[in-house]
Amino acid sequence: MTMIKYVYWQEEDMWLGYLEEYPDYWTQGETREELEENLRDISRELTSGSIPCVRRVAELEGCAAWPRARSASLRLAHCARGVAQFAPR
């Protein structure tokens, strides 16, 4: 069984939530159980490939040179090439 992380909260008499990996797609339910079922439905739809342009959240592994690079573009260039040294001036 695959576990899926989700964020949820209660507002008045409704439970609201979204999948951690897909924060743009919210749903709701009158009970937490109904919310969870709606989240399962959203997960199936989003991972089916039938919905175009689905935005997701992911993690990026850091690079050892990041603290030395002055900007995000320099850090990305350094990590991508793995050769240049960007030291603060």
PDB file of N, CA and C in Angstrom:
ATOM      1  N   MET A   1       0.850  -1.190   0.000  1.00  0.00           N
ATOM      2  CA  MET A   1       0.000   0.000   0.000  1.00  0.00           C
ATOM      3  C   MET A   1       0.887   1.242   0.000  1.00  0.00           C
ATOM      4  N   THR A   2       0.608   2.159  -0.899  1.00  0.00           N
ATOM      5  CA  THR A   2       1.345   3.412  -1.002  1.00  0.00           C
ATOM      6  C   THR A   2       0.728   4.447  -0.069  1.00  0.00           C
ATOM      7  N   MET A   3       1.585   5.116   0.673  1.00  0.00           N
ATOM      8  CA  MET A   3       1.118   6.184   1.552  1.00  0.00           C
ATOM      9  C   MET A   3       1.289   7.520   0.835  1.00  0.00           C
ATOM     10  N   ILE A   4       0.291   8.375   0.948  1.00  0.00           N
ATOM     11  CA  ILE A   4       0.315   9.684   0.315  1.00  0.00           C
ATOM     12  C   ILE A   4       0.134  10.735   1.403  1.00  0.00           C
ATOM     13  N   LYS A   5       1.053  11.687   1.485  1.00  0.00           N
ATOM     14  CA  LYS A   5       0.933  12.750   2.480  1.00  0.00           C
ATOM     15  C   LYS A   5      -0.052  13.803   1.999  1.00  0.00           C
ATOM     16  N   TYR A   6      -0.839  14.316   2.943  1.00  0.00           N
ATOM     17  CA  TYR A   6      -1.769  15.390   2.607  1.00  0.00           C
ATOM     18  C   TYR A   6      -1.845  16.381   3.751  1.00  0.00           C
ATOM     19  N   VAL A   7      -2.291  17.583   3.417  1.00  0.00           N
ATOM     20  CA  VAL A   7      -2.470  18.666   4.377  1.00  0.00           C
ATOM     21  C   VAL A   7      -3.969  18.867   4.526  1.00  0.00           C
ATOM     22  N   TYR A   8      -4.436  19.009   5.762  1.00  0.00           N
ATOM     23  CA  TYR A   8      -5.878  19.188   5.965  1.00  0.00           C
ATOM     24  C   TYR A   8      -6.141  20.115   7.132  1.00  0.00           C
ATOM     25  N   TRP A   9      -7.347  20.664   7.158  1.00  0.00           N
ATOM     26  CA  TRP A   9      -7.799  21.515   8.257  1.00  0.00           C
ATOM     27  C   TRP A   9      -9.321  21.565   8.220  1.00  0.00           C
ATOM     28  N   GLN A  10      -9.878  22.027   9.317  1.00  0.00           N
ATOM     29  CA  GLN A  10     -11.339  22.131   9.409  1.00  0.00           C
ATOM     30  C   GLN A  10     -11.719  23.602   9.441  1.00  0.00           C
ATOM     31  N   GLU A  11     -12.670  23.960   8.601  1.00  0.00           N
ATOM     32  CA  GLU A  11     -13.246  25.308   8.594  1.00  0.00           C
ATOM     33  C   GLU A  11     -14.742  25.159   8.801  1.00  0.00           C
ATOM     34  N   GLU A  12     -15.192  25.659   9.926  1.00  0.00           N
ATOM     35  CA  GLU A  12     -16.591  25.525  10.319  1.00  0.00           C
ATOM     36  C   GLU A  12     -16.994  24.054  10.267  1.00  0.00           C
ATOM     37  N   ASP A  13     -17.926  23.677   9.391  1.00  0.00           N
ATOM     38  CA  ASP A  13     -18.393  22.286   9.399  1.00  0.00           C
ATOM     39  C   ASP A  13     -17.816  21.451   8.248  1.00  0.00           C
ATOM     40  N   MET A  14     -16.784  21.969   7.562  1.00  0.00           N
ATOM     41  CA  MET A  14     -16.177  21.249   6.433  1.00  0.00           C
ATOM     42  C   MET A  14     -14.697  20.961   6.688  1.00  0.00           C
ATOM     43  N   TRP A  15     -14.232  19.836   6.150  1.00  0.00           N
ATOM     44  CA  TRP A  15     -12.814  19.475   6.175  1.00  0.00           C
ATOM     45  C   TRP A  15     -12.248  19.791   4.794  1.00  0.00           C
ATOM     46  N   LEU A  16     -11.153  20.531   4.756  1.00  0.00           N
ATOM     47  CA  LEU A  16     -10.504  20.897   3.505  1.00  0.00           C
ATOM     48  C   LEU A  16      -9.106  20.309   3.475  1.00  0.00           C
ATOM     49  N   GLY A  17      -8.596  20.052   2.267  1.00  0.00           N
ATOM     50  CA  GLY A  17      -7.247  19.520   2.190  1.00  0.00           C
ATOM     51  C   GLY A  17      -6.748  19.409   0.766  1.00  0.00           C
ATOM     52  N   TYR A  18      -5.454  19.098   0.683  1.00  0.00           N
ATOM     53  CA  TYR A  18      -4.815  18.879  -0.606  1.00  0.00           C
ATOM     54  C   TYR A  18      -3.662  17.908  -0.433  1.00  0.00           C
ATOM     55  N   LEU A  19      -3.259  17.288  -1.517  1.00  0.00           N
ATOM     56  CA  LEU A  19      -2.136  16.366  -1.505  1.00  0.00           C
ATOM     57  C   LEU A  19      -0.853  17.179  -1.442  1.00  0.00           C
ATOM     58  N   GLU A  20       0.075  16.770  -0.584  1.00  0.00           N
ATOM     59  CA  GLU A  20       1.314  17.522  -0.404  1.00  0.00           C
ATOM     60  C   GLU A  20       2.064  17.697  -1.731  1.00  0.00           C
ATOM     61  N   GLU A  21       2.050  16.688  -2.582  1.00  0.00           N
ATOM     62  CA  GLU A  21       2.765  16.739  -3.854  1.00  0.00           C
ATOM     63  C   GLU A  21       2.046  17.605  -4.901  1.00  0.00           C
ATOM     64  N   TYR A  22       0.750  17.844  -4.705  1.00  0.00           N
ATOM     65  CA  TYR A  22      -0.063  18.613  -5.654  1.00  0.00           C
ATOM     66  C   TYR A  22      -0.843  19.698  -4.911  1.00  0.00           C
ATOM     67  N   PRO A  23      -0.183  20.740  -4.432  1.00  0.00           N
ATOM     68  CA  PRO A  23      -0.870  21.724  -3.585  1.00  0.00           C
ATOM     69  C   PRO A  23      -1.884  22.610  -4.303  1.00  0.00           C
ATOM     70  N   ASP A  24      -1.930  22.565  -5.624  1.00  0.00           N
ATOM     71  CA  ASP A  24      -2.885  23.395  -6.369  1.00  0.00           C
ATOM     72  C   ASP A  24      -4.276  22.792  -6.432  1.00  0.00           C
ATOM     73  N   TYR A  25      -4.430  21.550  -6.009  1.00  0.00           N
ATOM     74  CA  TYR A  25      -5.695  20.823  -6.200  1.00  0.00           C
ATOM     75  C   TYR A  25      -6.327  20.511  -4.849  1.00  0.00           C
ATOM     76  N   TRP A  26      -7.191  21.403  -4.404  1.00  0.00           N
ATOM     77  CA  TRP A  26      -7.856  21.256  -3.112  1.00  0.00           C
ATOM     78  C   TRP A  26      -9.167  20.508  -3.275  1.00  0.00           C
ATOM     79  N   THR A  27      -9.595  19.903  -2.166  1.00  0.00           N
ATOM     80  CA  THR A  27     -10.914  19.285  -2.121  1.00  0.00           C
ATOM     81  C   THR A  27     -11.467  19.455  -0.713  1.00  0.00           C
ATOM     82  N   GLN A  28     -12.666  18.950  -0.499  1.00  0.00           N
ATOM     83  CA  GLN A  28     -13.313  19.084   0.811  1.00  0.00           C
ATOM     84  C   GLN A  28     -14.230  17.907   1.071  1.00  0.00           C
ATOM     85  N   GLY A  29     -14.671  17.800   2.311  1.00  0.00           N
ATOM     86  CA  GLY A  29     -15.625  16.775   2.692  1.00  0.00           C
ATOM     87  C   GLY A  29     -16.335  17.175   3.962  1.00  0.00           C
ATOM     88  N   GLU A  30     -17.505  16.611   4.168  1.00  0.00           N
ATOM     89  CA  GLU A  30     -18.244  16.910   5.399  1.00  0.00           C
ATOM     90  C   GLU A  30     -17.623  16.206   6.598  1.00  0.00           C
ATOM     91  N   THR A  31     -16.894  15.105   6.344  1.00  0.00           N
ATOM     92  CA  THR A  31     -16.159  14.398   7.388  1.00  0.00           C
ATOM     93  C   THR A  31     -14.718  14.225   6.924  1.00  0.00           C
ATOM     94  N   ARG A  32     -13.838  13.892   7.833  1.00  0.00           N
ATOM     95  CA  ARG A  32     -12.456  13.654   7.440  1.00  0.00           C
ATOM     96  C   ARG A  32     -12.368  12.423   6.533  1.00  0.00           C
ATOM     97  N   GLU A  33     -13.181  11.437   6.777  1.00  0.00           N
ATOM     98  CA  GLU A  33     -13.199  10.236   5.940  1.00  0.00           C
ATOM     99  C   GLU A  33     -13.604  10.579   4.502  1.00  0.00           C
ATOM    100  N   GLU A  34     -14.612  11.448   4.360  1.00  0.00           N
ATOM    101  CA  GLU A  34     -15.034  11.868   3.023  1.00  0.00           C
ATOM    102  C   GLU A  34     -13.921  12.671   2.343  1.00  0.00           C
ATOM    103  N   LEU A  35     -13.256  13.538   3.104  1.00  0.00           N
ATOM    104  CA  LEU A  35     -12.122  14.284   2.571  1.00  0.00           C
ATOM    105  C   LEU A  35     -11.046  13.328   2.055  1.00  0.00           C
ATOM    106  N   GLU A  36     -10.715  12.310   2.842  1.00  0.00           N
ATOM    107  CA  GLU A  36      -9.686  11.353   2.438  1.00  0.00           C
ATOM    108  C   GLU A  36     -10.084  10.609   1.155  1.00  0.00           C
ATOM    109  N   GLU A  37     -11.341  10.248   1.027  1.00  0.00           N
ATOM    110  CA  GLU A  37     -11.793   9.574  -0.198  1.00  0.00           C
ATOM    111  C   GLU A  37     -11.691  10.519  -1.399  1.00  0.00           C
ATOM    112  N   ASN A  38     -12.050  11.783  -1.204  1.00  0.00           N
ATOM    113  CA  ASN A  38     -11.932  12.763  -2.275  1.00  0.00           C
ATOM    114  C   ASN A  38     -10.463  12.976  -2.666  1.00  0.00           C
ATOM    115  N   LEU A  39      -9.571  12.952  -1.678  1.00  0.00           N
ATOM    116  CA  LEU A  39      -8.142  13.072  -1.963  1.00  0.00           C
ATOM    117  C   LEU A  39      -7.628  11.865  -2.742  1.00  0.00           C
ATOM    118  N   ARG A  40      -8.122  10.680  -2.417  1.00  0.00           N
ATOM    119  CA  ARG A  40      -7.749   9.482  -3.190  1.00  0.00           C
ATOM    120  C   ARG A  40      -8.193   9.618  -4.646  1.00  0.00           C
ATOM    121  N   ASP A  41      -9.421  10.120  -4.843  1.00  0.00           N
ATOM    122  CA  ASP A  41      -9.929  10.338  -6.203  1.00  0.00           C
ATOM    123  C   ASP A  41      -9.042  11.323  -6.966  1.00  0.00           C
ATOM    124  N   ILE A  42      -8.666  12.416  -6.322  1.00  0.00           N
ATOM    125  CA  ILE A  42      -7.804  13.410  -6.961  1.00  0.00           C
ATOM    126  C   ILE A  42      -6.456  12.789  -7.309  1.00  0.00           C
ATOM    127  N   SER A  43      -5.916  11.997  -6.404  1.00  0.00           N
ATOM    128  CA  SER A  43      -4.631  11.345  -6.663  1.00  0.00           C
ATOM    129  C   SER A  43      -4.708  10.452  -7.901  1.00  0.00           C
ATOM    130  N   ARG A  44      -5.769   9.671  -7.995  1.00  0.00           N
ATOM    131  CA  ARG A  44      -5.939   8.794  -9.162  1.00  0.00           C
ATOM    132  C   ARG A  44      -6.028   9.616 -10.452  1.00  0.00           C
ATOM    133  N   GLU A  45      -6.778  10.702 -10.410  1.00  0.00           N
ATOM    134  CA  GLU A  45      -6.934  11.535 -11.604  1.00  0.00           C
ATOM    135  C   GLU A  45      -5.624  12.211 -11.999  1.00  0.00           C
ATOM    136  N   LEU A  46      -4.908  12.758 -11.019  1.00  0.00           N
ATOM    137  CA  LEU A  46      -3.681  13.489 -11.313  1.00  0.00           C
ATOM    138  C   LEU A  46      -2.561  12.579 -11.801  1.00  0.00           C
ATOM    139  N   THR A  47      -2.546  11.351 -11.351  1.00  0.00           N
ATOM    140  CA  THR A  47      -1.480  10.431 -11.757  1.00  0.00           C
ATOM    141  C   THR A  47      -1.854   9.592 -12.972  1.00  0.00           C
ATOM    142  N   SER A  48      -3.058   9.742 -13.475  1.00  0.00           N
ATOM    143  CA  SER A  48      -3.508   8.946 -14.624  1.00  0.00           C
ATOM    144  C   SER A  48      -2.907   9.418 -15.940  1.00  0.00           C
ATOM    145  N   GLY A  49      -2.445  10.656 -15.974  1.00  0.00           N
ATOM    146  CA  GLY A  49      -1.913  11.212 -17.209  1.00  0.00           C
ATOM    147  C   GLY A  49      -2.973  11.840 -18.096  1.00  0.00           C
ATOM    148  N   SER A  50      -4.220  11.805 -17.685  1.00  0.00           N
ATOM    149  CA  SER A  50      -5.298  12.351 -18.502  1.00  0.00           C
ATOM    150  C   SER A  50      -5.490  13.855 -18.314  1.00  0.00           C
ATOM    151  N   ILE A  51      -4.898  14.436 -17.281  1.00  0.00           N
ATOM    152  CA  ILE A  51      -5.014  15.871 -17.038  1.00  0.00           C
ATOM    153  C   ILE A  51      -3.713  16.538 -17.489  1.00  0.00           C
ATOM    154  N   PRO A  52      -3.778  17.460 -18.456  1.00  0.00           N
ATOM    155  CA  PRO A  52      -2.548  18.113 -18.934  1.00  0.00           C
ATOM    156  C   PRO A  52      -2.059  19.184 -17.968  1.00  0.00           C
ATOM    157  N   CYS A  53      -0.769  19.441 -18.001  1.00  0.00           N
ATOM    158  CA  CYS A  53      -0.138  20.553 -17.274  1.00  0.00           C
ATOM    159  C   CYS A  53      -0.326  20.479 -15.760  1.00  0.00           C
ATOM    160  N   VAL A  54      -0.232  19.307 -15.182  1.00  0.00           N
ATOM    161  CA  VAL A  54      -0.367  19.152 -13.734  1.00  0.00           C
ATOM    162  C   VAL A  54       0.891  19.681 -13.062  1.00  0.00           C
ATOM    163  N   ARG A  55       0.725  20.608 -12.128  1.00  0.00           N
ATOM    164  CA  ARG A  55       1.864  21.152 -11.382  1.00  0.00           C
ATOM    165  C   ARG A  55       2.082  20.317 -10.138  1.00  0.00           C
ATOM    166  N   ARG A  56       3.370  20.049  -9.841  1.00  0.00           N
ATOM    167  CA  ARG A  56       3.728  19.215  -8.696  1.00  0.00           C
ATOM    168  C   ARG A  56       4.793  19.900  -7.858  1.00  0.00           C
ATOM    169  N   VAL A  57       4.981  19.409  -6.649  1.00  0.00           N
ATOM    170  CA  VAL A  57       6.063  19.840  -5.771  1.00  0.00           C
ATOM    171  C   VAL A  57       7.080  18.711  -5.742  1.00  0.00           C
ATOM    172  N   ALA A  58       8.361  19.056  -5.818  1.00  0.00           N
ATOM    173  CA  ALA A  58       9.424  18.057  -5.779  1.00  0.00           C
ATOM    174  C   ALA A  58      10.561  18.583  -4.915  1.00  0.00           C
ATOM    175  N   GLU A  59      11.515  17.729  -4.628  1.00  0.00           N
ATOM    176  CA  GLU A  59      12.701  18.124  -3.877  1.00  0.00           C
ATOM    177  C   GLU A  59      13.900  18.072  -4.796  1.00  0.00           C
ATOM    178  N   LEU A  60      14.836  18.988  -4.591  1.00  0.00           N
ATOM    179  CA  LEU A  60      16.046  19.066  -5.380  1.00  0.00           C
ATOM    180  C   LEU A  60      17.230  18.853  -4.453  1.00  0.00           C
ATOM    181  N   GLU A  61      18.115  17.948  -4.827  1.00  0.00           N
ATOM    182  CA  GLU A  61      19.295  17.691  -4.011  1.00  0.00           C
ATOM    183  C   GLU A  61      20.223  18.885  -4.101  1.00  0.00           C
ATOM    184  N   GLY A  62      20.793  19.280  -2.978  1.00  0.00           N
ATOM    185  CA  GLY A  62      21.684  20.427  -2.930  1.00  0.00           C
ATOM    186  C   GLY A  62      23.030  20.144  -3.561  1.00  0.00           C
ATOM    187  N   CYS A  63      23.810  21.188  -3.719  1.00  0.00           N
ATOM    188  CA  CYS A  63      25.135  21.115  -4.312  1.00  0.00           C
ATOM    189  C   CYS A  63      26.126  21.660  -3.291  1.00  0.00           C
ATOM    190  N   ALA A  64      27.289  21.055  -3.179  1.00  0.00           N
ATOM    191  CA  ALA A  64      28.285  21.461  -2.190  1.00  0.00           C
ATOM    192  C   ALA A  64      28.724  22.910  -2.362  1.00  0.00           C
ATOM    193  N   ALA A  65      28.668  23.453  -3.559  1.00  0.00           N
ATOM    194  CA  ALA A  65      29.132  24.817  -3.815  1.00  0.00           C
ATOM    195  C   ALA A  65      28.072  25.874  -3.535  1.00  0.00           C
ATOM    196  N   TRP A  66      26.869  25.486  -3.196  1.00  0.00           N
ATOM    197  CA  TRP A  66      25.796  26.461  -3.007  1.00  0.00           C
ATOM    198  C   TRP A  66      26.146  27.575  -2.045  1.00  0.00           C
ATOM    199  N   PRO A  67      26.761  27.303  -0.889  1.00  0.00           N
ATOM    200  CA  PRO A  67      27.045  28.420   0.018  1.00  0.00           C
ATOM    201  C   PRO A  67      28.000  29.448  -0.578  1.00  0.00           C
ATOM    202  N   ARG A  68      28.869  29.044  -1.528  1.00  0.00           N
ATOM    203  CA  ARG A  68      29.840  29.964  -2.109  1.00  0.00           C
ATOM    204  C   ARG A  68      29.253  30.765  -3.263  1.00  0.00           C
ATOM    205  N   ALA A  69      28.249  30.242  -3.931  1.00  0.00           N
ATOM    206  CA  ALA A  69      27.686  30.931  -5.086  1.00  0.00           C
ATOM    207  C   ALA A  69      26.797  32.079  -4.618  1.00  0.00           C
ATOM    208  N   ARG A  70      26.869  33.198  -5.335  1.00  0.00           N
ATOM    209  CA  ARG A  70      26.157  34.406  -4.917  1.00  0.00           C
ATOM    210  C   ARG A  70      24.693  34.427  -5.323  1.00  0.00           C
ATOM    211  N   SER A  71      24.308  33.723  -6.359  1.00  0.00           N
ATOM    212  CA  SER A  71      22.922  33.799  -6.805  1.00  0.00           C
ATOM    213  C   SER A  71      22.442  32.418  -7.215  1.00  0.00           C
ATOM    214  N   ALA A  72      21.124  32.294  -7.331  1.00  0.00           N
ATOM    215  CA  ALA A  72      20.544  31.011  -7.728  1.00  0.00           C
ATOM    216  C   ALA A  72      21.026  30.597  -9.104  1.00  0.00           C
ATOM    217  N   SER A  73      21.132  31.565 -10.043  1.00  0.00           N
ATOM    218  CA  SER A  73      21.572  31.202 -11.395  1.00  0.00           C
ATOM    219  C   SER A  73      23.007  30.708 -11.388  1.00  0.00           C
ATOM    220  N   LEU A  74      23.868  31.295 -10.563  1.00  0.00           N
ATOM    221  CA  LEU A  74      25.250  30.822 -10.470  1.00  0.00           C
ATOM    222  C   LEU A  74      25.307  29.444  -9.826  1.00  0.00           C
ATOM    223  N   ARG A  75      24.480  29.227  -8.795  1.00  0.00           N
ATOM    224  CA  ARG A  75      24.463  27.915  -8.147  1.00  0.00           C
ATOM    225  C   ARG A  75      24.014  26.849  -9.138  1.00  0.00           C
ATOM    226  N   LEU A  76      22.965  27.145  -9.911  1.00  0.00           N
ATOM    227  CA  LEU A  76      22.477  26.172 -10.885  1.00  0.00           C
ATOM    228  C   LEU A  76      23.509  25.914 -11.961  1.00  0.00           C
ATOM    229  N   ALA A  77      24.174  26.967 -12.428  1.00  0.00           N
ATOM    230  CA  ALA A  77      25.197  26.788 -13.456  1.00  0.00           C
ATOM    231  C   ALA A  77      26.328  25.929 -12.917  1.00  0.00           C
ATOM    232  N   HIS A  78      26.729  26.168 -11.687  1.00  0.00           N
ATOM    233  CA  HIS A  78      27.815  25.392 -11.097  1.00  0.00           C
ATOM    234  C   HIS A  78      27.416  23.925 -10.929  1.00  0.00           C
ATOM    235  N   CYS A  79      26.256  23.694 -10.409  1.00  0.00           N
ATOM    236  CA  CYS A  79      25.825  22.319 -10.180  1.00  0.00           C
ATOM    237  C   CYS A  79      25.626  21.581 -11.501  1.00  0.00           C
ATOM    238  N   ALA A  80      25.132  22.289 -12.500  1.00  0.00           N
ATOM    239  CA  ALA A  80      24.885  21.645 -13.788  1.00  0.00           C
ATOM    240  C   ALA A  80      26.188  21.261 -14.473  1.00  0.00           C
ATOM    241  N   ARG A  81      27.178  22.144 -14.440  1.00  0.00           N
ATOM    242  CA  ARG A  81      28.442  21.856 -15.105  1.00  0.00           C
ATOM    243  C   ARG A  81      29.393  21.084 -14.218  1.00  0.00           C
ATOM    244  N   GLY A  82      29.371  21.395 -12.930  1.00  0.00           N
ATOM    245  CA  GLY A  82      30.234  20.712 -11.980  1.00  0.00           C
ATOM    246  C   GLY A  82      31.709  21.054 -12.161  1.00  0.00           C
ATOM    247  N   VAL A  83      32.018  22.175 -12.814  1.00  0.00           N
ATOM    248  CA  VAL A  83      33.421  22.499 -13.051  1.00  0.00           C
ATOM    249  C   VAL A  83      33.803  23.880 -12.552  1.00  0.00           C
ATOM    250  N   ALA A  84      32.979  24.865 -12.771  1.00  0.00           N
ATOM    251  CA  ALA A  84      33.348  26.236 -12.427  1.00  0.00           C
ATOM    252  C   ALA A  84      33.282  26.458 -10.921  1.00  0.00           C
ATOM    253  N   GLN A  85      34.101  27.364 -10.430  1.00  0.00           N
ATOM    254  CA  GLN A  85      34.084  27.719  -9.017  1.00  0.00           C
ATOM    255  C   GLN A  85      33.605  29.162  -8.898  1.00  0.00           C
ATOM    256  N   PHE A  86      32.527  29.372  -8.189  1.00  0.00           N
ATOM    257  CA  PHE A  86      31.989  30.701  -7.982  1.00  0.00           C
ATOM    258  C   PHE A  86      32.209  31.078  -6.520  1.00  0.00           C
ATOM    259  N   ALA A  87      33.188  31.906  -6.256  1.00  0.00           N
ATOM    260  CA  ALA A  87      33.500  32.308  -4.883  1.00  0.00           C
ATOM    261  C   ALA A  87      33.057  33.747  -4.690  1.00  0.00           C
ATOM    262  N   PRO A  88      32.578  34.091  -3.487  1.00  0.00           N
ATOM    263  CA  PRO A  88      32.176  35.474  -3.237  1.00  0.00           C
ATOM    264  C   PRO A  88      33.376  36.412  -3.341  1.00  0.00           C
ATOM    265  N   ARG A  89      33.128  37.620  -3.821  1.00  0.00           N
ATOM    266  CA  ARG A  89      34.199  38.618  -3.947  1.00  0.00           C
ATOM    267  C   ARG A  89      34.199  39.541  -2.770  1.00  0.00           C
TER     268      ARG A  89
END
